[in-house]
Amino acid sequence: MDYQLDLTAYRCPLPLLMTKKALQQLKQGEQLQVLLNETATLNDFILLGHSMAVLVEQGGEDEKIQLIFKKRKDA
């Protein structure tokens, strides 16, 4: 199952905390798509993913940043 969080209306640190909570609930093989605005601290999200043994992909268009966190099957 895949999940999505649109956090473009929030300011840090709230998006980071909400992402962390959602990642803790992910099961192996699931993924979470997070949408952020341009003011979000991108490096903090990448570090969060790595600290939780989650793969992170970055993308996006216009003013939105898209991160996809994938819970590894071997984690």
Protein backbone atom coordinates (compact mmCIF):
# COMPACT_ATOMS: atom_id res chain seq x y z
CA MET A 1 0.00 0.00 0.00
CA ASP A 2 1.21 3.52 -0.75
CA TYR A 3 0.56 6.70 1.20
CA GLN A 4 0.77 10.43 0.48
CA LEU A 5 1.30 13.46 2.73
CA ASP A 6 0.79 16.95 1.32
CA LEU A 7 2.70 19.13 3.77
CA THR A 8 2.97 22.24 1.59
CA ALA A 9 0.80 24.27 3.97
CA TYR A 10 3.03 23.61 7.00
CA ARG A 11 6.30 25.14 8.19
CA CYS A 12 9.21 23.23 9.68
CA PRO A 13 9.60 21.47 12.01
CA LEU A 14 5.99 20.20 11.74
CA PRO A 15 6.41 18.51 8.30
CA LEU A 16 9.50 16.70 9.54
CA LEU A 17 7.70 15.44 12.65
CA MET A 18 4.64 14.36 10.66
CA THR A 19 6.86 12.53 8.16
CA LYS A 20 8.74 10.75 10.94
CA LYS A 21 5.48 9.56 12.49
CA ALA A 22 4.21 8.29 9.12
CA LEU A 23 7.50 6.50 8.39
CA GLN A 24 7.32 4.69 11.73
CA GLN A 25 3.97 3.22 10.65
CA LEU A 26 5.16 2.02 7.21
CA LYS A 27 5.48 -1.69 6.69
CA GLN A 28 8.20 -3.32 4.62
CA GLY A 29 7.77 -2.69 0.89
CA GLU A 30 5.38 0.26 1.36
CA GLN A 31 6.13 3.78 0.25
CA LEU A 32 5.25 7.28 1.37
CA GLN A 33 5.09 10.24 -1.00
CA VAL A 34 5.67 13.59 0.71
CA LEU A 35 4.98 16.95 -0.94
CA LEU A 36 6.84 19.94 0.49
CA ASN A 37 7.06 23.61 -0.40
CA GLU A 38 10.29 25.28 -1.36
CA THR A 39 11.02 26.52 2.17
CA ALA A 40 11.28 23.03 3.63
CA THR A 41 14.70 21.88 4.79
CA LEU A 42 15.34 19.13 2.29
CA ASN A 43 18.52 17.78 3.89
CA ASP A 44 16.68 17.11 7.16
CA PHE A 45 14.19 14.87 5.34
CA ILE A 46 16.94 12.97 3.55
CA LEU A 47 18.81 12.44 6.84
CA LEU A 48 15.58 11.26 8.47
CA GLY A 49 15.08 8.67 5.75
CA HIS A 50 18.63 7.38 6.06
CA SER A 51 18.43 7.21 9.86
CA MET A 52 15.28 5.08 9.59
CA ALA A 53 16.75 2.74 6.93
CA VAL A 54 14.36 4.06 4.29
CA LEU A 55 15.26 4.72 0.65
CA VAL A 56 14.64 8.33 -0.45
CA GLU A 57 13.97 9.55 -4.00
CA GLN A 58 13.68 13.24 -4.82
CA GLY A 59 11.69 14.90 -7.57
CA GLY A 60 9.07 17.56 -8.06
CA GLU A 61 7.93 20.31 -10.32
CA ASP A 62 7.04 23.98 -10.00
CA GLU A 63 7.17 25.09 -6.36
CA LYS A 64 6.57 21.67 -4.85
CA ILE A 65 9.26 19.23 -3.82
CA GLN A 66 8.35 15.56 -3.94
CA LEU A 67 10.09 12.98 -1.81
CA ILE A 68 9.32 9.27 -2.00
CA PHE A 69 10.31 7.21 1.00
CA LYS A 70 10.43 3.44 0.42
CA LYS A 71 10.61 1.08 3.35
CA ARG A 72 13.19 -1.49 2.39
CA LYS A 73 12.11 -5.11 2.46
CA ASP A 74 15.30 -6.07 4.27
CA ALA A 75 14.99 -3.36 6.95
